Amino acid sequence: MKKFDENYIYLKDMYNDSYFPKFLVDKVKQEIVKVVEYLEEEGHTTEDIQKKFDIMTIAINDLQEEFYENDSEIETAARDSIGVTVDYILKYFNIDIDTETAIGERDW
């Protein structure tokens, strides 16, 4: 079983930007961590992994209203930060899915 890089900082740019409420960035991170925990269990098909990323992305989509209510939104900087994090995860676990495909269900 391959463990994820314990030194990796998820969503670094979002955490470093005061525009994004930390408690909401934590919620986005929680969704991503669910996928990482799934990936740490070996033996999943690429199709199953994509389904997990779809579930994650839809859950992040569902947070948009909460971002709006807190004078923020999932916009360009957030998209980039989420994309960088997902890209790192895909490469770390050597998963043959393009980042744009992995987060293809996004509406942000």
C-alpha atoms as a PDB file:
ATOM      1  CA  MET A   1       0.000   0.000   0.000  1.00  0.00           C
ATOM      2  CA  LYS A   2       1.443   3.329  -1.077  1.00  0.00           C
ATOM      3  CA  LYS A   3       0.952   6.202   1.357  1.00  0.00           C
ATOM      4  CA  PHE A   4       0.538   9.739   0.078  1.00  0.00           C
ATOM      5  CA  ASP A   5       3.305  12.299   0.575  1.00  0.00           C
ATOM      6  CA  GLU A   6       2.772  13.451   4.171  1.00  0.00           C
ATOM      7  CA  ASN A   7       4.710  16.664   3.488  1.00  0.00           C
ATOM      8  CA  TYR A   8       2.498  17.780   0.605  1.00  0.00           C
ATOM      9  CA  ILE A   9       0.475  20.920   1.300  1.00  0.00           C
ATOM     10  CA  TYR A  10      -2.971  20.595  -0.235  1.00  0.00           C
ATOM     11  CA  LEU A  11      -4.451  23.711  -1.846  1.00  0.00           C
ATOM     12  CA  LYS A  12      -1.463  25.802  -0.832  1.00  0.00           C
ATOM     13  CA  ASP A  13      -2.472  28.858  -2.863  1.00  0.00           C
ATOM     14  CA  MET A  14      -6.022  28.840  -1.516  1.00  0.00           C
ATOM     15  CA  TYR A  15      -4.775  28.631   2.067  1.00  0.00           C
ATOM     16  CA  ASN A  16      -2.358  31.487   1.407  1.00  0.00           C
ATOM     17  CA  ASP A  17      -5.063  33.757  -0.037  1.00  0.00           C
ATOM     18  CA  SER A  18      -7.322  35.504   2.500  1.00  0.00           C
ATOM     19  CA  TYR A  19     -10.067  35.714  -0.153  1.00  0.00           C
ATOM     20  CA  PHE A  20     -10.862  32.068   0.574  1.00  0.00           C
ATOM     21  CA  PRO A  21     -12.292  31.365   4.035  1.00  0.00           C
ATOM     22  CA  LYS A  22     -10.058  28.746   5.655  1.00  0.00           C
ATOM     23  CA  PHE A  23     -12.985  26.664   6.887  1.00  0.00           C
ATOM     24  CA  LEU A  24     -14.243  26.361   3.305  1.00  0.00           C
ATOM     25  CA  VAL A  25     -10.793  25.507   1.969  1.00  0.00           C
ATOM     26  CA  ASP A  26     -10.747  22.816   4.665  1.00  0.00           C
ATOM     27  CA  LYS A  27     -13.999  21.432   3.230  1.00  0.00           C
ATOM     28  CA  VAL A  28     -12.492  21.313  -0.266  1.00  0.00           C
ATOM     29  CA  LYS A  29      -9.418  19.606   1.170  1.00  0.00           C
ATOM     30  CA  GLN A  30     -11.594  17.030   2.952  1.00  0.00           C
ATOM     31  CA  GLU A  31     -13.110  16.013  -0.374  1.00  0.00           C
ATOM     32  CA  ILE A  32      -9.670  15.650  -1.943  1.00  0.00           C
ATOM     33  CA  VAL A  33      -8.362  13.665   1.043  1.00  0.00           C
ATOM     34  CA  LYS A  34     -11.200  11.159   0.558  1.00  0.00           C
ATOM     35  CA  VAL A  35      -9.827  10.440  -2.916  1.00  0.00           C
ATOM     36  CA  VAL A  36      -6.257  10.171  -1.604  1.00  0.00           C
ATOM     37  CA  GLU A  37      -7.352   7.690   1.057  1.00  0.00           C
ATOM     38  CA  TYR A  38      -9.085   5.676  -1.657  1.00  0.00           C
ATOM     39  CA  LEU A  39      -5.944   5.732  -3.808  1.00  0.00           C
ATOM     40  CA  GLU A  40      -3.812   4.534  -0.914  1.00  0.00           C
ATOM     41  CA  GLU A  41      -5.779   1.302  -1.148  1.00  0.00           C
ATOM     42  CA  GLU A  42      -4.285  -0.345  -4.207  1.00  0.00           C
ATOM     43  CA  GLY A  43      -6.064  -2.325  -6.880  1.00  0.00           C
ATOM     44  CA  HIS A  44      -8.581   0.148  -8.295  1.00  0.00           C
ATOM     45  CA  THR A  45      -9.352   0.407 -11.977  1.00  0.00           C
ATOM     46  CA  THR A  46      -8.857   3.678 -13.815  1.00  0.00           C
ATOM     47  CA  GLU A  47     -12.620   3.824 -14.295  1.00  0.00           C
ATOM     48  CA  ASP A  48     -13.244   3.481 -10.543  1.00  0.00           C
ATOM     49  CA  ILE A  49     -10.631   6.131  -9.800  1.00  0.00           C
ATOM     50  CA  GLN A  50     -12.301   8.521 -12.247  1.00  0.00           C
ATOM     51  CA  LYS A  51     -15.640   7.902 -10.519  1.00  0.00           C
ATOM     52  CA  LYS A  52     -14.043   8.900  -7.193  1.00  0.00           C
ATOM     53  CA  PHE A  53     -12.702  12.096  -8.757  1.00  0.00           C
ATOM     54  CA  ASP A  54     -16.173  12.798 -10.173  1.00  0.00           C
ATOM     55  CA  ILE A  55     -17.726  12.390  -6.717  1.00  0.00           C
ATOM     56  CA  MET A  56     -15.057  14.699  -5.264  1.00  0.00           C
ATOM     57  CA  THR A  57     -15.603  17.335  -7.945  1.00  0.00           C
ATOM     58  CA  ILE A  58     -19.386  17.312  -7.567  1.00  0.00           C
ATOM     59  CA  ALA A  59     -18.981  17.691  -3.793  1.00  0.00           C
ATOM     60  CA  ILE A  60     -16.720  20.708  -4.398  1.00  0.00           C
ATOM     61  CA  ASN A  61     -19.311  22.098  -6.837  1.00  0.00           C
ATOM     62  CA  ASP A  62     -21.848  21.851  -4.026  1.00  0.00           C
ATOM     63  CA  LEU A  63     -19.684  24.123  -1.863  1.00  0.00           C
ATOM     64  CA  GLN A  64     -19.977  27.069  -4.244  1.00  0.00           C
ATOM     65  CA  GLU A  65     -23.073  28.526  -2.582  1.00  0.00           C
ATOM     66  CA  GLU A  66     -21.294  28.475   0.770  1.00  0.00           C
ATOM     67  CA  PHE A  67     -18.351  30.311  -0.790  1.00  0.00           C
ATOM     68  CA  TYR A  68     -20.773  32.959  -2.140  1.00  0.00           C
ATOM     69  CA  GLU A  69     -22.387  33.327   1.282  1.00  0.00           C
ATOM     70  CA  ASN A  70     -18.925  34.113   2.664  1.00  0.00           C
ATOM     71  CA  ASP A  71     -18.043  36.736   0.027  1.00  0.00           C
ATOM     72  CA  SER A  72     -15.829  34.359  -1.918  1.00  0.00           C
ATOM     73  CA  GLU A  73     -16.136  31.998  -4.855  1.00  0.00           C
ATOM     74  CA  ILE A  74     -14.394  29.133  -6.547  1.00  0.00           C
ATOM     75  CA  GLU A  75     -12.782  31.184  -9.304  1.00  0.00           C
ATOM     76  CA  THR A  76      -9.536  31.213 -11.265  1.00  0.00           C
ATOM     77  CA  ALA A  77      -7.104  31.053  -8.341  1.00  0.00           C
ATOM     78  CA  ALA A  78      -9.152  28.306  -6.688  1.00  0.00           C
ATOM     79  CA  ARG A  79      -9.432  26.345  -9.949  1.00  0.00           C
ATOM     80  CA  ASP A  80      -5.676  26.550 -10.374  1.00  0.00           C
ATOM     81  CA  SER A  81      -4.991  25.516  -6.780  1.00  0.00           C
ATOM     82  CA  ILE A  82      -7.369  22.546  -6.987  1.00  0.00           C
ATOM     83  CA  GLY A  83      -5.914  21.589 -10.367  1.00  0.00           C
ATOM     84  CA  VAL A  84      -2.332  21.722  -9.084  1.00  0.00           C
ATOM     85  CA  THR A  85      -3.281  19.545  -6.113  1.00  0.00           C
ATOM     86  CA  VAL A  86      -5.119  16.993  -8.265  1.00  0.00           C
ATOM     87  CA  ASP A  87      -2.254  16.951 -10.775  1.00  0.00           C
ATOM     88  CA  TYR A  88       0.241  16.222  -7.992  1.00  0.00           C
ATOM     89  CA  ILE A  89      -1.948  13.380  -6.685  1.00  0.00           C
ATOM     90  CA  LEU A  90      -2.313  11.838 -10.133  1.00  0.00           C
ATOM     91  CA  LYS A  91       1.428  11.928 -10.737  1.00  0.00           C
ATOM     92  CA  TYR A  92       2.295  10.742  -7.234  1.00  0.00           C
ATOM     93  CA  PHE A  93       0.150   7.634  -7.632  1.00  0.00           C
ATOM     94  CA  ASN A  94       1.158   7.244 -11.302  1.00  0.00           C
ATOM     95  CA  ILE A  95      -2.442   7.382 -12.505  1.00  0.00           C
ATOM     96  CA  ASP A  96      -2.961   7.702 -16.226  1.00  0.00           C
ATOM     97  CA  ILE A  97      -5.760  10.285 -16.101  1.00  0.00           C
ATOM     98  CA  ASP A  98      -5.363  13.841 -17.353  1.00  0.00           C
ATOM     99  CA  THR A  99      -6.009  16.494 -14.710  1.00  0.00           C
ATOM    100  CA  GLU A 100      -8.733  18.137 -16.803  1.00  0.00           C
ATOM    101  CA  THR A 101     -10.449  14.772 -17.168  1.00  0.00           C
ATOM    102  CA  ALA A 102     -10.105  14.022 -13.454  1.00  0.00           C
ATOM    103  CA  ILE A 103     -11.970  17.234 -12.553  1.00  0.00           C
ATOM    104  CA  GLY A 104     -14.165  17.234 -15.647  1.00  0.00           C
ATOM    105  CA  GLU A 105     -17.399  17.403 -13.631  1.00  0.00           C
ATOM    106  CA  ARG A 106     -16.515  20.841 -12.301  1.00  0.00           C
ATOM    107  CA  ASP A 107     -18.708  23.844 -12.844  1.00  0.00           C
ATOM    108  CA  TRP A 108     -16.152  26.327 -11.552  1.00  0.00           C
END
